[in-house]
Protein backbone atom coordinates (compact mmCIF):
# COMPACT_ATOMS: atom_id res chain seq x y z
CA MET A 1 -115.36 12.81 -192.42
CA SER A 2 -116.59 13.04 -196.01
CA VAL A 3 -118.83 15.87 -197.14
CA THR A 4 -120.96 15.90 -200.29
CA LEU A 5 -123.05 18.38 -202.23
CA LEU A 6 -126.72 18.30 -201.44
CA ALA A 7 -128.02 17.84 -204.93
CA GLY A 8 -124.99 19.42 -206.39
CA THR A 9 -122.68 21.19 -203.91
CA ALA A 10 -120.12 20.44 -201.22
CA THR A 11 -118.88 22.19 -198.11
CA ALA A 12 -116.02 21.92 -195.70
CA ALA A 13 -115.58 22.63 -192.01
CA VAL A 14 -114.03 25.58 -190.22
CA ALA A 15 -112.42 25.86 -186.78
CA VAL A 16 -112.18 28.65 -184.25
CA ALA A 17 -110.25 28.58 -180.99
CA SER A 18 -112.52 28.10 -178.02
CA GLU A 19 -112.12 27.80 -174.27
CA GLY A 20 -114.87 25.23 -174.09
CA PRO A 21 -115.05 21.62 -175.28
CA ALA A 22 -115.57 20.76 -178.92
CA ALA A 23 -119.17 20.98 -180.12
CA ALA A 24 -119.19 17.38 -181.26
CA PRO A 25 -117.69 14.40 -179.43
CA ALA A 26 -114.28 13.33 -180.61
CA ALA A 27 -115.66 10.06 -181.88
CA ALA A 28 -117.93 11.89 -184.30
CA LEU A 29 -114.91 13.56 -185.88
CA ALA A 30 -112.58 10.57 -186.00
CA PRO A 31 -111.05 10.17 -189.47
CA THR A 32 -112.71 7.56 -191.66
CA ALA A 33 -110.73 8.25 -194.84
CA PRO A 34 -107.11 9.18 -195.62
CA VAL A 35 -106.19 12.55 -194.09
CA GLU A 36 -103.75 15.16 -195.44
CA ASN A 37 -104.30 17.97 -192.92
CA LEU A 38 -105.60 18.56 -189.40
CA ILE A 39 -107.36 21.65 -188.04
CA VAL A 40 -106.20 22.51 -184.53
CA GLY A 41 -107.91 25.08 -182.31
CA TYR A 42 -105.85 26.28 -179.36
CA LYS A 43 -107.30 27.86 -176.23
CA SER A 44 -106.89 31.62 -176.23
CA SER A 45 -104.54 31.40 -173.23
CA ALA A 46 -102.07 29.25 -175.20
CA THR A 47 -99.07 30.85 -176.90
CA GLU A 48 -99.82 28.75 -179.98
CA ALA A 49 -103.16 30.54 -180.38
CA SER A 50 -101.40 33.74 -181.49
CA SER A 51 -97.85 32.73 -182.44
CA ASN A 52 -97.28 30.89 -185.71
CA THR A 53 -93.78 30.01 -184.57
CA ALA A 54 -95.08 28.39 -181.41
CA ALA A 55 -97.78 26.55 -183.38
CA ALA A 56 -95.14 25.31 -185.82
CA ASP A 57 -92.92 24.04 -183.02
CA ASP A 58 -95.88 22.36 -181.34
CA ALA A 59 -96.98 20.60 -184.54
CA THR A 60 -93.49 19.26 -185.16
CA ALA A 61 -93.11 18.02 -181.59
CA LYS A 62 -96.48 16.27 -181.55
CA GLY A 63 -95.76 14.65 -184.89
CA LYS A 64 -92.50 13.24 -183.55
CA LYS A 65 -94.28 11.85 -180.47
CA ALA A 66 -96.70 10.03 -182.77
CA GLY A 67 -93.89 8.87 -185.05
CA LYS A 68 -95.35 10.89 -187.94
CA LYS A 69 -94.58 14.04 -189.87
CA ALA A 70 -96.63 17.09 -188.83
CA LYS A 71 -95.97 20.65 -190.00
CA PHE A 72 -97.76 23.95 -189.38
CA ASP A 73 -99.15 25.12 -192.73
CA ARG A 74 -101.10 28.32 -192.10
CA ARG A 75 -103.53 30.14 -189.83
CA LEU A 76 -107.22 29.91 -190.80
CA GLY A 77 -109.50 32.92 -190.76
CA THR A 78 -111.10 31.58 -187.56
CA GLY A 79 -107.75 31.54 -185.73
CA ALA A 80 -107.25 27.78 -185.91
CA ALA A 81 -104.01 26.24 -187.17
CA LEU A 82 -103.89 24.06 -190.28
CA VAL A 83 -101.38 21.25 -189.73
CA SER A 84 -100.07 19.28 -192.73
CA LEU A 85 -99.27 15.59 -192.37
CA GLY A 86 -97.07 15.75 -195.47
CA ALA A 87 -99.31 13.52 -197.57
CA ALA A 88 -102.53 11.56 -197.26
CA VAL A 89 -102.11 9.12 -194.38
CA ALA A 90 -104.32 6.27 -193.20
CA PRO A 91 -107.08 7.13 -190.70
CA ALA A 92 -105.31 5.25 -187.90
CA GLU A 93 -102.09 7.20 -188.46
CA ALA A 94 -103.94 10.49 -188.46
CA ALA A 95 -105.71 9.43 -185.26
CA ASP A 96 -102.32 8.89 -183.60
CA VAL A 97 -101.33 12.51 -184.28
CA MET A 98 -104.77 13.78 -183.25
CA ALA A 99 -104.41 11.91 -179.96
CA GLN A 100 -101.27 13.91 -179.18
CA PHE A 101 -103.13 17.18 -179.68
CA ARG A 102 -106.17 16.02 -177.69
CA ALA A 103 -103.92 15.13 -174.75
CA ASP A 104 -102.63 18.71 -174.59
CA PRO A 105 -104.68 20.87 -172.15
CA ASP A 106 -103.88 23.94 -174.30
CA VAL A 107 -105.73 22.44 -177.27
CA ALA A 108 -109.46 23.17 -177.48
CA TYR A 109 -110.10 20.73 -180.33
CA VAL A 110 -108.54 18.95 -183.30
CA GLU A 111 -110.37 17.75 -186.41
CA PRO A 112 -109.45 16.12 -189.73
CA ASP A 113 -109.58 18.50 -192.70
CA THR A 114 -112.31 16.69 -194.63
CA ARG A 115 -113.51 16.96 -198.21
CA ALA A 116 -116.91 17.54 -199.82
CA TYR A 117 -118.39 16.37 -203.13
CA ALA A 118 -121.13 17.34 -205.60
CA THR A 119 -123.91 14.96 -206.64
CA ALA A 120 -126.47 16.83 -208.73
CA VAL A 121 -128.66 15.31 -211.44
CA THR A 122 -128.92 16.92 -214.90
CA PRO A 123 -132.14 16.79 -216.97
CA ASN A 124 -133.11 19.70 -219.28
CA ASP A 125 -135.76 22.39 -220.19
CA THR A 126 -136.04 26.21 -220.02
CA GLU A 127 -138.19 29.38 -219.59
CA TYR A 128 -140.03 30.92 -216.69
CA ALA A 129 -143.22 28.96 -217.42
CA LYS A 130 -141.31 25.87 -216.34
CA GLN A 131 -140.43 27.36 -212.94
CA TRP A 132 -143.31 25.79 -211.05
CA ASP A 133 -141.25 26.16 -207.88
CA LEU A 134 -141.79 29.91 -207.90
CA PHE A 135 -145.49 30.27 -208.63
CA GLU A 136 -147.61 27.08 -208.59
CA SER A 137 -150.23 27.20 -205.84
CA THR A 138 -149.80 23.59 -204.75
CA ALA A 139 -146.09 23.51 -203.99
CA GLY A 140 -144.55 26.72 -205.31
CA MET A 141 -143.00 29.28 -202.98
CA ASN A 142 -145.38 32.16 -203.82
CA VAL A 143 -142.54 34.36 -205.07
CA PRO A 144 -144.18 36.65 -207.67
CA ALA A 145 -146.42 38.30 -205.07
CA ALA A 146 -143.34 39.23 -203.04
CA TRP A 147 -141.84 41.10 -206.03
CA ASP A 148 -144.47 43.80 -205.60
CA THR A 149 -142.58 44.80 -202.45
CA THR A 150 -138.94 43.79 -202.94
CA THR A 151 -136.57 42.19 -205.45
CA GLY A 152 -133.50 41.95 -203.22
CA SER A 153 -131.85 45.21 -204.24
CA GLY A 154 -128.84 46.20 -202.15
CA VAL A 155 -128.12 42.70 -200.83
CA THR A 156 -125.16 40.47 -201.75
CA VAL A 157 -125.56 36.69 -201.53
CA ALA A 158 -122.40 34.59 -201.34
CA VAL A 159 -122.66 31.22 -203.08
CA ILE A 160 -120.00 29.02 -201.47
CA ASP A 161 -119.76 26.32 -204.09
CA THR A 162 -117.92 25.25 -207.27
CA GLY A 163 -117.45 28.83 -208.44
CA TYR A 164 -119.08 30.47 -211.45
CA VAL A 165 -119.00 29.60 -215.15
CA ALA A 166 -119.92 32.51 -217.43
CA HIS A 167 -123.66 32.69 -218.16
CA SER A 168 -125.37 35.71 -219.70
CA ASP A 169 -128.50 35.23 -217.57
CA VAL A 170 -126.51 35.49 -214.34
CA ALA A 171 -123.62 37.78 -215.32
CA PRO A 172 -125.49 41.09 -214.79
CA ASN A 173 -125.82 40.30 -211.09
CA VAL A 174 -122.33 38.91 -210.34
CA VAL A 175 -119.87 40.83 -208.14
CA ALA A 176 -116.24 40.01 -207.39
CA GLY A 177 -115.71 36.79 -205.49
CA TYR A 178 -112.71 34.64 -204.62
CA ASP A 179 -111.20 31.20 -205.22
CA PHE A 180 -110.38 29.60 -201.86
CA ILE A 181 -109.16 26.24 -203.17
CA SER A 182 -105.64 26.10 -201.78
CA SER A 183 -104.51 22.97 -203.68
CA SER A 184 -103.52 23.55 -207.32
CA ALA A 185 -104.22 19.88 -208.10
CA TYR A 186 -107.83 20.19 -206.97
CA ALA A 187 -108.28 23.72 -208.31
CA ARG A 188 -107.33 22.83 -211.92
CA ASP A 189 -106.37 26.44 -212.57
CA GLY A 190 -102.62 26.07 -212.27
CA GLY A 191 -102.33 27.63 -208.84
CA GLY A 192 -103.76 27.95 -205.36
CA ARG A 193 -105.98 30.68 -203.97
CA ASP A 194 -106.62 33.71 -206.17
CA SER A 195 -109.18 36.37 -206.98
CA ASN A 196 -110.72 34.45 -209.89
CA PRO A 197 -113.62 32.21 -208.75
CA ALA A 198 -114.17 30.74 -212.23
CA ASP A 199 -115.49 27.17 -212.16
CA GLU A 200 -112.83 25.04 -213.87
CA GLY A 201 -114.94 21.89 -213.68
CA ASP A 202 -115.30 19.22 -210.98
CA TRP A 203 -115.32 16.10 -213.18
CA ASN A 204 -113.79 12.77 -212.18
CA ALA A 205 -112.24 10.84 -215.07
CA THR A 206 -112.29 7.38 -213.50
CA ASP A 207 -113.93 5.40 -210.73
CA GLY A 208 -111.93 5.56 -207.50
CA GLU A 209 -110.14 8.77 -208.49
CA CYS A 210 -111.43 10.58 -205.43
CA GLY A 211 -111.27 7.69 -202.99
CA VAL A 212 -112.77 4.28 -202.53
CA GLY A 213 -116.31 4.17 -203.87
CA SER A 214 -116.09 7.39 -205.89
CA LYS A 215 -117.48 7.27 -209.42
CA ALA A 216 -116.45 8.87 -212.67
CA SER A 217 -118.66 11.88 -213.38
CA ASN A 218 -119.00 14.97 -215.53
CA SER A 219 -118.63 18.50 -214.26
CA SER A 220 -121.71 19.68 -212.38
CA TRP A 221 -121.42 23.50 -212.76
CA HIS A 222 -123.33 23.39 -209.51
CA GLY A 223 -122.50 26.86 -208.26
CA THR A 224 -123.90 28.45 -211.41
CA HIS A 225 -127.15 26.49 -211.06
CA VAL A 226 -127.51 27.66 -207.45
CA ALA A 227 -126.67 31.24 -208.43
CA GLY A 228 -129.37 31.30 -211.12
CA THR A 229 -132.06 30.21 -208.68
CA ILE A 230 -131.11 33.01 -206.32
CA ALA A 231 -130.54 35.94 -208.66
CA ALA A 232 -130.73 35.23 -212.40
CA ALA A 233 -131.53 38.39 -214.34
CA THR A 234 -135.28 38.81 -214.78
CA ASN A 235 -137.55 40.60 -217.24
CA ASN A 236 -134.73 40.32 -219.83
CA SER A 237 -136.69 38.25 -222.36
CA LYS A 238 -134.58 35.12 -221.88
CA GLY A 239 -134.08 32.12 -219.68
CA ILE A 240 -135.27 32.01 -216.10
CA ALA A 241 -136.22 34.37 -213.27
CA GLY A 242 -134.19 34.62 -210.08
CA ILE A 243 -135.98 34.74 -206.74
CA ALA A 244 -134.06 37.84 -205.59
CA TYR A 245 -133.22 39.16 -209.05
CA GLY A 246 -132.34 42.60 -207.71
CA ALA A 247 -129.62 41.11 -205.45
CA LYS A 248 -125.98 40.45 -206.31
CA ILE A 249 -124.25 37.06 -206.40
CA GLN A 250 -120.75 36.67 -204.98
CA PRO A 251 -119.22 33.40 -206.23
CA VAL A 252 -116.87 31.90 -203.63
CA ARG A 253 -115.09 28.82 -204.97
CA VAL A 254 -114.32 26.01 -202.54
CA LEU A 255 -115.20 22.89 -204.56
CA GLY A 256 -113.07 21.54 -207.40
CA LYS A 257 -111.76 18.14 -208.31
CA CYS A 258 -112.70 15.68 -205.54
CA GLY A 259 -114.79 18.24 -203.68
CA GLY A 260 -113.47 20.72 -201.17
CA SER A 261 -111.67 20.83 -197.84
CA THR A 262 -113.02 21.99 -194.52
CA SER A 263 -110.19 24.46 -194.06
CA ASP A 264 -110.90 26.15 -197.39
CA ILE A 265 -114.62 26.33 -196.70
CA VAL A 266 -114.09 27.75 -193.22
CA ASP A 267 -111.98 30.54 -194.61
CA ALA A 268 -114.57 31.13 -197.33
CA ILE A 269 -117.34 31.54 -194.73
CA THR A 270 -115.15 33.96 -192.81
CA TRP A 271 -114.21 36.07 -195.84
CA ALA A 272 -117.66 36.09 -197.43
CA SER A 273 -119.21 37.49 -194.25
CA GLY A 274 -116.63 40.25 -193.96
CA GLY A 275 -114.06 38.57 -191.71
CA SER A 276 -110.32 38.66 -192.18
CA VAL A 277 -108.33 35.78 -193.71
CA ALA A 278 -104.54 35.95 -193.79
CA GLY A 279 -103.15 36.47 -197.28
CA VAL A 280 -106.54 37.29 -198.80
CA PRO A 281 -107.62 40.86 -199.62
CA ALA A 282 -110.58 42.19 -197.67
CA ASN A 283 -114.01 41.52 -199.15
CA ALA A 284 -115.18 44.81 -200.68
CA THR A 285 -118.82 43.65 -200.75
CA PRO A 286 -119.46 41.41 -197.73
CA ALA A 287 -122.48 39.16 -198.10
CA LYS A 288 -125.55 39.51 -195.91
CA VAL A 289 -126.65 36.00 -196.96
CA ILE A 290 -124.52 32.88 -197.47
CA ASN A 291 -125.80 29.81 -199.32
CA MET A 292 -124.09 26.47 -198.70
CA SER A 293 -125.70 23.70 -200.75
CA LEU A 294 -123.25 21.10 -199.53
CA GLY A 295 -122.54 18.72 -196.71
CA GLY A 296 -121.69 15.23 -195.57
CA PRO A 297 -122.14 12.71 -192.76
CA GLY A 298 -121.18 13.50 -189.18
CA ALA A 299 -122.23 15.90 -186.44
CA CYS A 300 -121.38 19.57 -186.77
CA GLY A 301 -117.76 20.07 -185.77
CA THR A 302 -116.25 22.98 -183.91
CA SER A 303 -114.63 24.25 -187.10
CA TYR A 304 -117.93 24.73 -188.90
CA GLN A 305 -119.73 26.04 -185.85
CA ASN A 306 -117.15 28.68 -184.99
CA ALA A 307 -117.07 30.02 -188.53
CA ILE A 308 -120.86 30.09 -188.77
CA ASN A 309 -121.23 31.77 -185.38
CA ALA A 310 -118.77 34.46 -186.40
CA ALA A 311 -120.56 35.04 -189.71
CA VAL A 312 -123.93 35.38 -187.99
CA ALA A 313 -122.41 37.76 -185.44
CA ARG A 314 -121.35 39.94 -188.38
CA GLY A 315 -124.98 40.07 -189.52
CA THR A 316 -124.88 37.37 -192.20
CA THR A 317 -127.71 34.85 -192.54
CA VAL A 318 -126.38 31.34 -193.28
CA VAL A 319 -128.58 28.94 -195.28
CA VAL A 320 -127.62 25.26 -195.66
CA ALA A 321 -129.01 22.22 -197.43
CA ALA A 322 -130.30 19.37 -195.27
CA GLY A 323 -128.75 16.55 -197.32
CA ASN A 324 -129.90 13.96 -199.84
CA SER A 325 -129.63 10.68 -197.92
CA ASN A 326 -133.28 10.22 -196.89
CA ALA A 327 -132.06 10.22 -193.29
CA ASP A 328 -132.18 12.32 -190.14
CA ALA A 329 -130.38 15.59 -190.87
CA ALA A 330 -129.01 15.60 -187.31
CA GLY A 331 -126.34 13.19 -188.56
CA TYR A 332 -125.07 15.53 -191.29
CA SER A 333 -122.95 18.66 -191.38
CA PRO A 334 -123.25 21.62 -191.73
CA ALA A 335 -127.00 20.87 -191.60
CA SER A 336 -126.70 19.99 -187.90
CA CYS A 337 -124.91 23.21 -186.98
CA ASN A 338 -126.57 25.89 -184.87
CA ASN A 339 -127.28 29.39 -186.22
CA VAL A 340 -128.16 28.18 -189.72
CA ILE A 341 -131.43 27.87 -191.64
CA ASN A 342 -131.56 24.14 -192.43
CA VAL A 343 -133.64 23.47 -195.56
CA ALA A 344 -135.32 20.22 -196.62
CA ALA A 345 -136.56 19.61 -200.17
CA SER A 346 -140.17 19.24 -201.29
CA ASN A 347 -141.53 18.06 -204.64
CA ARG A 348 -144.12 19.41 -207.06
CA ALA A 349 -146.95 17.60 -205.28
CA GLY A 350 -145.99 19.13 -201.93
CA ASP A 351 -144.52 15.99 -200.39
CA ARG A 352 -141.01 15.67 -198.99
CA SER A 353 -138.76 14.75 -201.91
CA TYR A 354 -137.85 11.06 -201.63
CA TYR A 355 -134.12 11.81 -201.21
CA SER A 356 -134.37 14.70 -198.76
CA ASN A 357 -133.08 14.45 -195.24
CA TYR A 358 -135.61 15.20 -192.51
CA GLY A 359 -135.98 15.46 -188.74
CA ALA A 360 -136.48 17.76 -185.79
CA ILE A 361 -133.43 19.77 -186.78
CA ILE A 362 -135.01 20.92 -190.09
CA ASP A 363 -136.15 24.55 -190.01
CA VAL A 364 -138.22 24.79 -193.19
CA ALA A 365 -138.83 23.13 -196.55
CA ALA A 366 -138.49 24.61 -200.05
CA PRO A 367 -138.87 23.25 -203.58
CA GLY A 368 -136.06 20.84 -204.44
CA GLY A 369 -137.88 18.89 -207.12
CA GLU A 370 -137.62 15.35 -208.45
CA THR A 371 -136.08 14.38 -211.79
CA ARG A 372 -137.38 10.87 -211.20
CA ARG A 373 -139.81 9.12 -208.91
CA ALA A 374 -138.47 7.20 -205.94
CA THR A 375 -139.43 3.92 -207.64
CA ASP A 376 -137.66 4.74 -210.93
CA THR A 377 -134.26 3.27 -211.71
CA PRO A 378 -131.53 5.30 -209.96
CA GLY A 379 -129.61 7.47 -212.41
CA THR A 380 -132.52 7.83 -214.83
CA VAL A 381 -134.29 11.08 -215.63
CA THR A 382 -138.00 10.40 -216.04
CA THR A 383 -139.69 13.57 -214.75
CA PRO A 384 -137.44 16.56 -215.66
CA GLU A 385 -140.46 18.86 -215.65
CA ASN A 386 -140.76 18.28 -211.89
CA ALA A 387 -137.21 19.38 -211.06
CA ILE A 388 -135.71 22.86 -210.54
CA LEU A 389 -134.74 24.67 -213.73
CA SER A 390 -131.74 27.01 -213.62
CA SER A 391 -128.65 28.25 -215.43
CA LEU A 392 -125.95 25.74 -216.37
CA ASN A 393 -123.22 24.85 -218.88
CA ALA A 394 -123.07 22.16 -221.55
CA GLY A 395 -119.41 21.24 -221.00
CA THR A 396 -118.87 17.69 -219.77
CA THR A 397 -115.47 18.56 -218.30
CA THR A 398 -114.28 22.09 -219.11
CA PRO A 399 -116.75 24.90 -219.89
CA GLY A 400 -118.82 24.78 -223.08
CA ALA A 401 -121.95 26.63 -224.16
CA GLU A 402 -124.36 28.15 -221.66
CA ILE A 403 -127.63 26.25 -221.22
CA TYR A 404 -130.50 25.72 -218.76
CA LYS A 405 -131.17 22.41 -217.05
CA PRO A 406 -133.29 21.11 -214.17
CA TYR A 407 -131.56 19.60 -211.17
CA GLN A 408 -133.02 17.98 -208.05
CA GLY A 409 -131.79 18.07 -204.47
CA THR A 410 -131.68 19.92 -201.20
CA SER A 411 -128.92 21.86 -202.98
CA MET A 412 -131.73 23.32 -205.07
CA ALA A 413 -134.02 23.89 -202.08
CA ALA A 414 -131.50 25.90 -200.06
CA PRO A 415 -131.05 28.70 -202.65
CA HIS A 416 -134.81 29.24 -202.66
CA VAL A 417 -134.53 30.17 -198.99
CA ALA A 418 -131.31 32.13 -199.52
CA GLY A 419 -133.13 34.14 -202.18
CA LEU A 420 -136.01 34.72 -199.77
CA ALA A 421 -133.57 35.86 -197.08
CA ALA A 422 -132.20 38.42 -199.55
CA LEU A 423 -135.71 39.67 -200.28
CA LEU A 424 -136.32 40.13 -196.55
CA LYS A 425 -133.02 41.92 -195.88
CA SER A 426 -133.70 44.25 -198.80
CA ALA A 427 -137.23 44.97 -197.64
CA ASN A 428 -136.18 45.64 -194.04
CA SER A 429 -132.45 46.28 -193.68
CA ALA A 430 -132.64 46.31 -189.87
CA LEU A 431 -133.49 42.61 -189.71
CA THR A 432 -130.95 40.41 -187.93
CA PRO A 433 -130.18 36.84 -189.05
CA ALA A 434 -132.28 35.53 -186.16
CA GLN A 435 -135.22 37.69 -187.18
CA ILE A 436 -134.91 36.56 -190.79
CA GLU A 437 -134.90 32.93 -189.70
CA SER A 438 -137.90 33.45 -187.41
CA ALA A 439 -139.84 35.28 -190.11
CA ILE A 440 -139.27 32.51 -192.68
CA LYS A 441 -140.24 29.77 -190.24
CA ASN A 442 -143.21 31.56 -188.71
CA ASN A 443 -144.77 32.43 -192.06
CA ALA A 444 -144.32 29.07 -193.79
CA ARG A 445 -147.47 27.30 -194.87
CA PRO A 446 -148.31 23.62 -194.38
CA LEU A 447 -147.04 21.28 -197.08
CA ALA A 448 -149.78 20.25 -199.47
CA GLY A 449 -148.63 16.64 -199.15
CA THR A 450 -146.80 14.76 -196.44
CA CYS A 451 -143.40 14.86 -194.82
CA THR A 452 -142.45 11.71 -192.98
CA GLY A 453 -139.81 12.46 -190.40
CA GLY A 454 -140.36 16.21 -190.17
CA CYS A 455 -139.87 19.18 -192.51
CA GLY A 456 -139.72 22.03 -190.01
CA THR A 457 -142.52 24.57 -190.00
CA GLY A 458 -143.65 23.79 -193.54
CA LEU A 459 -143.10 25.21 -197.03
CA ALA A 460 -141.43 28.63 -197.16
CA ASP A 461 -143.83 31.29 -198.47
CA ALA A 462 -142.12 34.35 -199.95
CA ALA A 463 -145.12 36.67 -200.16
CA ALA A 464 -146.36 35.93 -196.63
CA THR A 465 -142.90 36.37 -195.14
CA VAL A 466 -142.15 39.63 -196.93
CA ALA A 467 -145.54 40.98 -195.84
CA ALA A 468 -144.81 40.04 -192.23
CA VAL A 469 -141.53 41.97 -192.05
CA THR A 470 -142.83 45.05 -193.85
CA SER A 471 -146.25 45.45 -192.28
CA THR A 472 -147.13 47.99 -189.62
CA PRO A 473 -150.03 47.53 -187.22
CA PRO A 474 -153.13 48.06 -189.41
CA THR A 475 -155.80 50.56 -188.51
CA GLY A 476 -157.93 48.98 -185.84
CA ALA A 477 -155.13 46.90 -184.36
CA LEU A 478 -155.23 46.58 -180.58
CA GLU A 479 -151.89 47.55 -179.09
CA ASN A 480 -150.13 47.75 -175.72
CA THR A 481 -147.18 50.18 -175.82
CA THR A 482 -146.39 50.07 -172.09
CA ASP A 483 -142.83 48.91 -171.38
CA PHE A 484 -142.50 45.70 -169.36
CA THR A 485 -138.97 45.01 -168.07
CA ILE A 486 -137.56 41.53 -168.78
CA GLY A 487 -135.12 40.59 -166.03
CA ASP A 488 -132.74 37.66 -165.86
CA ASN A 489 -134.54 34.33 -165.26
CA THR A 490 -137.93 36.02 -164.92
CA THR A 491 -141.33 35.83 -166.60
CA VAL A 492 -143.30 38.94 -167.54
CA GLU A 493 -146.73 39.39 -169.15
CA SER A 494 -148.20 42.30 -171.10
CA PRO A 495 -152.02 42.26 -171.46
CA ILE A 496 -154.46 43.42 -174.15
CA THR A 497 -158.16 43.28 -173.30
CA VAL A 498 -160.46 42.65 -176.26
CA THR A 499 -164.12 43.68 -176.14
CA GLY A 500 -166.91 44.17 -178.65
CA LYS A 501 -165.99 41.19 -180.84
CA THR A 502 -168.42 38.45 -181.78
CA GLY A 503 -167.55 34.80 -181.95
CA ASN A 504 -164.07 33.38 -182.09
CA ALA A 505 -160.71 34.86 -183.06
CA PRO A 506 -159.61 34.35 -186.67
CA ALA A 507 -157.58 31.48 -188.09
CA ALA A 508 -154.98 34.07 -189.12
CA LEU A 509 -154.70 36.22 -186.00
CA LYS A 510 -151.79 38.65 -186.47
CA VAL A 511 -149.55 39.13 -183.44
CA GLY A 512 -147.04 41.95 -183.79
CA VAL A 513 -144.15 41.72 -181.30
CA ASN A 514 -141.48 44.35 -180.54
CA ILE A 515 -139.06 43.16 -177.86
CA VAL A 516 -135.78 44.91 -177.07
CA HIS A 517 -133.30 42.38 -175.69
CA SER A 518 -129.56 41.77 -176.11
CA TYR A 519 -129.69 37.96 -176.38
CA ILE A 520 -132.95 36.61 -177.81
CA GLY A 521 -131.69 33.02 -177.52
CA ASP A 522 -132.56 33.39 -173.81
CA LEU A 523 -136.23 34.09 -174.54
CA LYS A 524 -139.40 32.03 -174.88
CA VAL A 525 -142.30 34.15 -176.14
CA ASP A 526 -145.92 32.94 -175.94
CA LEU A 527 -149.34 34.31 -176.79
CA VAL A 528 -151.75 33.37 -173.99
CA ALA A 529 -155.43 33.28 -174.92
CA PRO A 530 -158.19 34.39 -172.50
CA ASP A 531 -158.85 30.74 -171.52
CA GLY A 532 -155.17 30.13 -170.77
CA SER A 533 -154.30 28.32 -174.01
CA VAL A 534 -150.67 28.95 -174.98
CA TYR A 535 -149.36 29.58 -178.52
CA THR A 536 -145.56 29.66 -178.73
CA LEU A 537 -144.21 32.40 -181.01
CA HIS A 538 -140.46 32.22 -180.31
CA ASN A 539 -138.61 29.49 -178.45
CA ARG A 540 -135.01 30.34 -177.54
CA SER A 541 -133.72 30.58 -181.11
CA GLY A 542 -131.41 33.22 -182.55
CA GLY A 543 -128.46 32.84 -180.17
CA GLY A 544 -126.74 36.09 -179.24
CA THR A 545 -128.54 38.31 -181.72
CA ASP A 546 -130.65 41.12 -180.34
CA ASN A 547 -134.27 42.26 -180.51
CA ILE A 548 -137.45 40.67 -181.87
CA ASN A 549 -139.47 42.79 -184.30
CA GLN A 550 -141.81 40.37 -185.98
CA VAL A 551 -145.44 39.77 -186.99
CA TYR A 552 -146.58 36.21 -186.23
CA THR A 553 -149.66 34.47 -187.63
CA VAL A 554 -151.59 32.30 -185.16
CA ASN A 555 -154.53 30.00 -185.83
CA ALA A 556 -156.70 31.11 -182.91
CA SER A 557 -160.01 30.02 -184.42
CA SER A 558 -160.78 27.82 -181.39
CA GLU A 559 -160.51 30.79 -178.99
CA VAL A 560 -163.26 33.24 -178.00
CA ALA A 561 -162.15 36.65 -179.22
CA ASN A 562 -163.27 38.71 -176.22
CA GLY A 563 -161.22 38.63 -173.05
CA THR A 564 -157.70 39.39 -171.88
CA TRP A 565 -154.90 38.18 -174.14
CA LYS A 566 -151.33 38.23 -172.86
CA LEU A 567 -147.87 38.28 -174.36
CA ARG A 568 -145.77 36.18 -172.00
CA VAL A 569 -141.98 36.41 -172.13
CA ASN A 570 -139.78 34.04 -170.14
CA ASP A 571 -136.04 34.80 -169.77
CA ASN A 572 -134.16 31.55 -169.24
CA ALA A 573 -130.62 32.72 -168.46
CA GLY A 574 -128.52 35.35 -166.74
CA GLY A 575 -126.43 38.19 -168.10
CA ASP A 576 -128.84 39.80 -170.60
CA THR A 577 -131.99 41.81 -169.99
CA GLY A 578 -134.48 43.87 -171.96
CA LYS A 579 -138.13 44.85 -172.23
CA ILE A 580 -141.39 44.26 -174.05
CA ASP A 581 -141.49 47.55 -175.95
CA SER A 582 -144.90 47.00 -177.55
CA TRP A 583 -147.14 44.36 -179.07
CA ASN A 584 -150.43 44.27 -180.94
CA LEU A 585 -153.29 42.04 -182.07
CA THR A 586 -155.07 42.37 -185.42
CA PHE A 587 -158.36 40.48 -185.73
């Protein structure tokens, strides 16, 4: 499966041993291009799950059965085994070896180790006044108003991308990262993995160099562009402003020549979030937010999902780009993975950008810009002022002078949301990844234009979201602090009776919810109006994270204010319980 950058970045997949079936059907992960390595996840009961010797013997034996060479290479940070096929082999040959693993009841899954590629566009321009995406009322993300409360201080954001090329407008906020590209040929730095995440360039000299259909291209410096959007230095009398300019950027290099491999990206996700990867020193500054502006076709594989789940369990919010194929994002990875914030791109008019993926799986939209109109000749740059300006480099292959240029893509939209996630975590350090995701989605505003196909809950709004996670019930709020136990597979309601109001409830009714529960993915939470109308606040998102502490905004203007309002909580599974601790209404 091929993976490409979403307006300038690429990602790879990661695998973790599991007792259950693979997250995606085998057919979705069948190789469609030459394969050098396989990722094999063994069931925890198998000797091969913990013994490298046993895994090596198993790989050799299965290779012989398929009439191919197969050799254990190393253990990934997720526990899966990376199996080398010796060289790039045809998809059918790789499938023969994969079939041997799939036939083994001790194997949980096997996937090809795929590659990812960058595809950003490069116009030009500079200065904060050109950053419409931050402040314009039509389609900007309302960032400046959030800076009154938080700038992201104390939060590290990992940018899993092409690495970092020196830029004075980003350098003050960069902390130590890592280069996870294991192939010296793709890394272009003379070696494999090391502690230097410098971007050595991802150019392709000739057509076909990176496979059939690949085109010659210049270096993208994509990771540095993404980093600038998130946390470029601000109020320094130069260049651009970063969304979370008080945060730190951790460059994690996974993309080089011809993109990046799933196995390298999986280990990068693991390490960046504070997990352990064999042969790699521990991360001294684990990231609380990961940005992955990359992806490719195919459903989310077990490798990606296991790595993402583990990162989220460590308390790291994972933000991914939806993809640039003007198609349903459900068919792209890691956009289709669970436990991520999946971001579509919008343009300066507030419409979905013509290239952006869409669909029911999108969580939210953010500015991704357009360097040209959909009807303009592909490859041209006709509207650079409508793209996303950020830090870059002038080198066409190896690094040159630092510059600023506008790019377009969901790769540019995702770091807007990653920056917002950093603002939220800084403003309220107790927030879990699930709470951060809910806050961003619940406080988005409608797109000014249109989004055919679906853009989630709307355009992310920084100021509204920060206010929601930092506000306390205002004076005059009506509150019920009685505990209501939430049992397994039960429904419970907590009432608040409103009297003395005239007319209808407001269009921006504030509903503060404090639920203590050990697995909020079990819960559906509704506000029930006096006439029985139901407004869903939370619908079984967040997986195994705990507790909901969130202020929701509900358009209740069609409801009479007086009467008994209820917070209804439905537990849809067994094994985890909790309580409604308190909730409030602010008219």
